[in-house]
Amino acid sequence: MDYKETVKKYIIKNFMFGSTEFLENFNYDTSFMESGVLDSTGFLELVNHLEEIYKIEIKEEDLVPENFDTIENINKYLSNRLSSVK
């Protein structure tokens, strides 16, 4: 399953306040931290949201940039994580 659009919509709604202007230079591999889209608080909000909507617990050791710093990384993490849950 592809989670990219769901994550992108959440970020636009909650961190860009509905503005799509930033998307001109933003793609699925753009770093949230480097681009300033998310700070540490926003990152925790995003993780909490993912736990709620996908009914999973994200372990502390999984909270690394390789899993959560881009939409693509989140998509890979969720795909792997949710396929192992079923």
C-alpha atoms as a PDB file:
ATOM      1  CA  MET A   1       0.000   0.000   0.000  1.00  0.00           C
ATOM      2  CA  ASP A   2       1.137   3.559  -0.684  1.00  0.00           C
ATOM      3  CA  TYR A   3       0.855   5.951   2.271  1.00  0.00           C
ATOM      4  CA  LYS A   4       2.525   8.964   0.629  1.00  0.00           C
ATOM      5  CA  GLU A   5      -0.587  10.942  -0.242  1.00  0.00           C
ATOM      6  CA  THR A   6      -2.130  10.407   3.191  1.00  0.00           C
ATOM      7  CA  VAL A   7       1.029  11.652   4.905  1.00  0.00           C
ATOM      8  CA  LYS A   8       1.368  14.584   2.492  1.00  0.00           C
ATOM      9  CA  LYS A   9      -2.233  15.682   3.091  1.00  0.00           C
ATOM     10  CA  TYR A  10      -1.732  15.507   6.862  1.00  0.00           C
ATOM     11  CA  ILE A  11       1.415  17.636   6.665  1.00  0.00           C
ATOM     12  CA  ILE A  12      -0.240  20.226   4.412  1.00  0.00           C
ATOM     13  CA  LYS A  13      -3.278  20.476   6.654  1.00  0.00           C
ATOM     14  CA  ASN A  14      -1.496  20.507  10.022  1.00  0.00           C
ATOM     15  CA  PHE A  15       1.885  22.102   9.390  1.00  0.00           C
ATOM     16  CA  MET A  16       1.375  24.201   6.278  1.00  0.00           C
ATOM     17  CA  PHE A  17      -2.132  25.259   7.324  1.00  0.00           C
ATOM     18  CA  GLY A  18      -3.569  24.176   3.991  1.00  0.00           C
ATOM     19  CA  SER A  19      -1.031  26.082   1.881  1.00  0.00           C
ATOM     20  CA  THR A  20       0.340  24.121  -1.057  1.00  0.00           C
ATOM     21  CA  GLU A  21       2.932  26.773  -2.038  1.00  0.00           C
ATOM     22  CA  PHE A  22       5.800  24.821  -0.467  1.00  0.00           C
ATOM     23  CA  LEU A  23       5.047  21.859  -2.732  1.00  0.00           C
ATOM     24  CA  GLU A  24       6.729  23.587  -5.679  1.00  0.00           C
ATOM     25  CA  ASN A  25      10.137  22.657  -4.220  1.00  0.00           C
ATOM     26  CA  PHE A  26       9.045  19.749  -2.074  1.00  0.00           C
ATOM     27  CA  ASN A  27       8.992  16.104  -3.100  1.00  0.00           C
ATOM     28  CA  TYR A  28       8.671  12.773  -1.349  1.00  0.00           C
ATOM     29  CA  ASP A  29      12.417  12.697  -0.619  1.00  0.00           C
ATOM     30  CA  THR A  30      12.670  16.224   0.845  1.00  0.00           C
ATOM     31  CA  SER A  31      13.891  16.206   4.445  1.00  0.00           C
ATOM     32  CA  PHE A  32      11.334  17.601   6.886  1.00  0.00           C
ATOM     33  CA  MET A  33      14.017  18.843   9.257  1.00  0.00           C
ATOM     34  CA  GLU A  34      16.317  20.373   6.621  1.00  0.00           C
ATOM     35  CA  SER A  35      13.430  22.105   4.847  1.00  0.00           C
ATOM     36  CA  GLY A  36      11.993  23.411   8.109  1.00  0.00           C
ATOM     37  CA  VAL A  37       8.630  21.750   7.538  1.00  0.00           C
ATOM     38  CA  LEU A  38       8.763  19.971  10.903  1.00  0.00           C
ATOM     39  CA  ASP A  39      10.521  20.792  14.124  1.00  0.00           C
ATOM     40  CA  SER A  40      10.902  18.310  16.972  1.00  0.00           C
ATOM     41  CA  THR A  41       7.396  19.016  18.289  1.00  0.00           C
ATOM     42  CA  GLY A  42       5.888  18.609  14.834  1.00  0.00           C
ATOM     43  CA  PHE A  43       7.770  15.364  14.407  1.00  0.00           C
ATOM     44  CA  LEU A  44       6.213  14.001  17.614  1.00  0.00           C
ATOM     45  CA  GLU A  45       2.759  15.157  16.467  1.00  0.00           C
ATOM     46  CA  LEU A  46       3.246  13.336  13.174  1.00  0.00           C
ATOM     47  CA  VAL A  47       4.349  10.136  14.923  1.00  0.00           C
ATOM     48  CA  ASN A  48       1.375  10.335  17.291  1.00  0.00           C
ATOM     49  CA  HIS A  49      -0.958  10.790  14.320  1.00  0.00           C
ATOM     50  CA  LEU A  50       0.499   7.757  12.543  1.00  0.00           C
ATOM     51  CA  GLU A  51       0.100   5.645  15.678  1.00  0.00           C
ATOM     52  CA  GLU A  52      -3.533   6.694  16.000  1.00  0.00           C
ATOM     53  CA  ILE A  53      -4.667   6.218  12.422  1.00  0.00           C
ATOM     54  CA  TYR A  54      -2.769   2.977  11.789  1.00  0.00           C
ATOM     55  CA  LYS A  55      -3.343   1.528  15.276  1.00  0.00           C
ATOM     56  CA  ILE A  56       0.336   0.815  15.881  1.00  0.00           C
ATOM     57  CA  GLU A  57       2.866   1.633  18.558  1.00  0.00           C
ATOM     58  CA  ILE A  58       6.017   3.168  17.162  1.00  0.00           C
ATOM     59  CA  LYS A  59       8.940   2.185  19.322  1.00  0.00           C
ATOM     60  CA  GLU A  60      11.528   4.702  20.425  1.00  0.00           C
ATOM     61  CA  GLU A  61      14.288   2.894  18.546  1.00  0.00           C
ATOM     62  CA  ASP A  62      12.295   3.351  15.313  1.00  0.00           C
ATOM     63  CA  LEU A  63      12.282   7.155  15.694  1.00  0.00           C
ATOM     64  CA  VAL A  64      15.226   7.784  13.406  1.00  0.00           C
ATOM     65  CA  PRO A  65      15.523   9.915  10.254  1.00  0.00           C
ATOM     66  CA  GLU A  66      15.816   6.774   8.135  1.00  0.00           C
ATOM     67  CA  ASN A  67      12.186   6.057   9.057  1.00  0.00           C
ATOM     68  CA  PHE A  68      10.570   9.475   9.471  1.00  0.00           C
ATOM     69  CA  ASP A  69      12.478  12.392   7.896  1.00  0.00           C
ATOM     70  CA  THR A  70      10.790  12.215   4.481  1.00  0.00           C
ATOM     71  CA  ILE A  71       7.446  11.145   3.106  1.00  0.00           C
ATOM     72  CA  GLU A  72       9.208   8.349   1.223  1.00  0.00           C
ATOM     73  CA  ASN A  73      10.870   7.100   4.428  1.00  0.00           C
ATOM     74  CA  ILE A  74       7.533   7.113   6.244  1.00  0.00           C
ATOM     75  CA  ASN A  75       5.928   5.253   3.355  1.00  0.00           C
ATOM     76  CA  LYS A  76       8.610   2.536   3.503  1.00  0.00           C
ATOM     77  CA  TYR A  77       8.394   2.305   7.290  1.00  0.00           C
ATOM     78  CA  LEU A  78       4.598   1.986   7.293  1.00  0.00           C
ATOM     79  CA  SER A  79       4.603  -0.509   4.433  1.00  0.00           C
ATOM     80  CA  ASN A  80       7.092  -2.728   6.248  1.00  0.00           C
ATOM     81  CA  ARG A  81       5.540  -2.279   9.656  1.00  0.00           C
ATOM     82  CA  LEU A  82       1.940  -2.823   8.611  1.00  0.00           C
ATOM     83  CA  SER A  83       2.732  -5.808   6.414  1.00  0.00           C
ATOM     84  CA  SER A  84       4.315  -7.507   9.442  1.00  0.00           C
ATOM     85  CA  VAL A  85       1.272  -6.763  11.618  1.00  0.00           C
ATOM     86  CA  LYS A  86      -1.202  -8.607   9.397  1.00  0.00           C
END
